[in-house]
C-alpha atoms as a PDB file:
ATOM      1  CA  MET A   1    -130.899  35.978-175.853  1.00  0.00           C
ATOM      2  CA  ALA A   2    -133.963  37.041-177.817  1.00  0.00           C
ATOM      3  CA  GLY A   3    -133.071  34.706-180.670  1.00  0.00           C
ATOM      4  CA  GLU A   4    -132.737  31.780-178.321  1.00  0.00           C
ATOM      5  CA  MET A   5    -136.023  32.676-176.611  1.00  0.00           C
ATOM      6  CA  LEU A   6    -137.687  32.695-180.030  1.00  0.00           C
ATOM      7  CA  GLY A   7    -136.473  29.150-180.612  1.00  0.00           C
ATOM      8  CA  LEU A   8    -133.332  29.672-182.666  1.00  0.00           C
ATOM      9  CA  LYS A   9    -131.050  26.638-182.483  1.00  0.00           C
ATOM     10  CA  LEU A  10    -127.909  28.719-183.049  1.00  0.00           C
ATOM     11  CA  ILE A  11    -126.759  32.327-183.132  1.00  0.00           C
ATOM     12  CA  PHE A  12    -124.871  33.731-186.122  1.00  0.00           C
ATOM     13  CA  ILE A  13    -123.036  36.986-185.511  1.00  0.00           C
ATOM     14  CA  ASP A  14    -121.542  38.481-188.626  1.00  0.00           C
ATOM     15  CA  ALA A  15    -119.386  41.549-189.235  1.00  0.00           C
ATOM     16  CA  GLY A  16    -120.477  41.438-192.868  1.00  0.00           C
ATOM     17  CA  SER A  17    -119.215  39.658-195.934  1.00  0.00           C
ATOM     18  CA  GLY A  18    -115.671  40.814-196.630  1.00  0.00           C
ATOM     19  CA  ALA A  19    -115.599  43.106-193.569  1.00  0.00           C
ATOM     20  CA  ARG A  20    -112.255  44.676-192.727  1.00  0.00           C
ATOM     21  CA  GLU A  21    -112.638  43.993-189.016  1.00  0.00           C
ATOM     22  CA  ALA A  22    -113.938  40.835-187.369  1.00  0.00           C
ATOM     23  CA  ILE A  23    -116.375  40.633-184.483  1.00  0.00           C
ATOM     24  CA  THR A  24    -114.299  41.437-181.397  1.00  0.00           C
ATOM     25  CA  PRO A  25    -113.405  38.681-178.953  1.00  0.00           C
ATOM     26  CA  LYS A  26    -115.175  40.656-176.218  1.00  0.00           C
ATOM     27  CA  MET A  27    -118.426  40.639-178.210  1.00  0.00           C
ATOM     28  CA  ILE A  28    -118.107  36.913-178.892  1.00  0.00           C
ATOM     29  CA  GLN A  29    -117.531  36.265-175.181  1.00  0.00           C
ATOM     30  CA  GLN A  30    -120.576  38.317-174.210  1.00  0.00           C
ATOM     31  CA  VAL A  31    -122.854  36.560-176.693  1.00  0.00           C
ATOM     32  CA  LYS A  32    -121.494  33.125-175.765  1.00  0.00           C
ATOM     33  CA  LYS A  33    -122.102  33.626-172.057  1.00  0.00           C
ATOM     34  CA  SER A  34    -125.636  34.905-172.745  1.00  0.00           C
ATOM     35  CA  VAL A  35    -126.909  31.907-174.737  1.00  0.00           C
ATOM     36  CA  ASN A  36    -126.973  28.135-174.490  1.00  0.00           C
ATOM     37  CA  VAL A  37    -126.839  27.411-178.214  1.00  0.00           C
ATOM     38  CA  PRO A  38    -123.886  27.257-180.614  1.00  0.00           C
ATOM     39  CA  VAL A  39    -122.425  30.591-181.732  1.00  0.00           C
ATOM     40  CA  ILE A  40    -121.243  30.993-185.326  1.00  0.00           C
ATOM     41  CA  VAL A  41    -118.973  33.948-186.111  1.00  0.00           C
ATOM     42  CA  GLY A  42    -118.286  35.301-189.589  1.00  0.00           C
ATOM     43  CA  GLY A  43    -117.139  38.351-191.471  1.00  0.00           C
ATOM     44  CA  GLY A  44    -113.694  39.887-191.257  1.00  0.00           C
ATOM     45  CA  ILE A  45    -111.880  36.685-190.265  1.00  0.00           C
ATOM     46  CA  ASN A  46    -109.102  37.122-192.802  1.00  0.00           C
ATOM     47  CA  SER A  47    -106.132  35.729-190.876  1.00  0.00           C
ATOM     48  CA  ALA A  48    -105.254  32.688-188.819  1.00  0.00           C
ATOM     49  CA  ALA A  49    -104.757  34.981-185.800  1.00  0.00           C
ATOM     50  CA  LYS A  50    -108.299  36.346-186.067  1.00  0.00           C
ATOM     51  CA  ALA A  51    -109.642  32.810-186.475  1.00  0.00           C
ATOM     52  CA  LYS A  52    -107.797  31.697-183.341  1.00  0.00           C
ATOM     53  CA  ALA A  53    -108.990  34.739-181.384  1.00  0.00           C
ATOM     54  CA  SER A  54    -112.595  34.011-182.354  1.00  0.00           C
ATOM     55  CA  LEU A  55    -112.291  30.386-181.254  1.00  0.00           C
ATOM     56  CA  GLU A  56    -110.603  31.307-177.984  1.00  0.00           C
ATOM     57  CA  ALA A  57    -113.365  33.833-177.300  1.00  0.00           C
ATOM     58  CA  GLY A  58    -115.981  31.095-177.579  1.00  0.00           C
ATOM     59  CA  ALA A  59    -117.044  30.779-181.212  1.00  0.00           C
ATOM     60  CA  ASP A  60    -118.239  27.246-181.912  1.00  0.00           C
ATOM     61  CA  VAL A  61    -117.919  27.719-185.680  1.00  0.00           C
ATOM     62  CA  ILE A  62    -116.093  30.334-187.746  1.00  0.00           C
ATOM     63  CA  VAL A  63    -116.781  31.383-191.341  1.00  0.00           C
ATOM     64  CA  ILE A  64    -113.923  32.539-193.585  1.00  0.00           C
ATOM     65  CA  GLY A  65    -115.652  32.643-196.987  1.00  0.00           C
ATOM     66  CA  ASN A  66    -114.411  35.733-198.855  1.00  0.00           C
ATOM     67  CA  ALA A  67    -111.001  35.703-197.217  1.00  0.00           C
ATOM     68  CA  ALA A  68    -110.426  32.135-198.448  1.00  0.00           C
ATOM     69  CA  GLU A  69    -111.345  33.159-201.990  1.00  0.00           C
ATOM     70  CA  LYS A  70    -108.728  35.897-201.888  1.00  0.00           C
ATOM     71  CA  ASN A  71    -106.098  33.759-200.158  1.00  0.00           C
ATOM     72  CA  PRO A  72    -106.558  29.979-200.643  1.00  0.00           C
ATOM     73  CA  ASN A  73    -103.642  29.324-198.264  1.00  0.00           C
ATOM     74  CA  LEU A  74    -105.765  30.819-195.490  1.00  0.00           C
ATOM     75  CA  VAL A  75    -107.746  27.578-195.335  1.00  0.00           C
ATOM     76  CA  ILE A  76    -104.551  25.681-194.525  1.00  0.00           C
ATOM     77  CA  GLU A  77    -103.397  28.297-191.995  1.00  0.00           C
ATOM     78  CA  VAL A  78    -106.765  28.376-190.237  1.00  0.00           C
ATOM     79  CA  SER A  79    -107.034  24.574-190.293  1.00  0.00           C
ATOM     80  CA  GLU A  80    -103.714  24.367-188.474  1.00  0.00           C
ATOM     81  CA  LYS A  81    -104.928  26.843-185.824  1.00  0.00           C
ATOM     82  CA  ILE A  82    -108.170  24.900-185.389  1.00  0.00           C
ATOM     83  CA  TYR A  83    -106.226  21.662-185.057  1.00  0.00           C
ATOM     84  CA  ASP A  84    -103.937  23.167-182.408  1.00  0.00           C
ATOM     85  CA  PHE A  85    -106.898  24.737-180.595  1.00  0.00           C
ATOM     86  CA  ASN A  86    -108.851  21.461-180.522  1.00  0.00           C
ATOM     87  CA  LYS A  87    -105.737  19.583-179.428  1.00  0.00           C
ATOM     88  CA  SER A  88    -105.357  21.959-176.490  1.00  0.00           C
ATOM     89  CA  LEU A  89    -108.920  21.071-175.480  1.00  0.00           C
ATOM     90  CA  ASN A  90    -108.240  17.343-175.872  1.00  0.00           C
ATOM     91  CA  ILE A  91    -110.822  17.051-178.668  1.00  0.00           C
ATOM     92  CA  HIS A  92    -110.075  14.174-181.007  1.00  0.00           C
END
């Protein structure tokens, strides 16, 4: 909330570049319900399941940088999860 009060237009929560564990869905939910700006989540999202969990928890944007460098197919896998997630929300 402090970031938003200071005028930030978005909140970026990051587990750290190449982190083994991602930000937990519970943490994402708590941040999302505490602010009225987009929430970006990064670090530790190294599987399509973790990407989906982050989106379902309320992340507006996810970052998969290092994981995609190590596994280029991850971009395809995550893209499919994002597509399915958006479809379930009726976003075109």
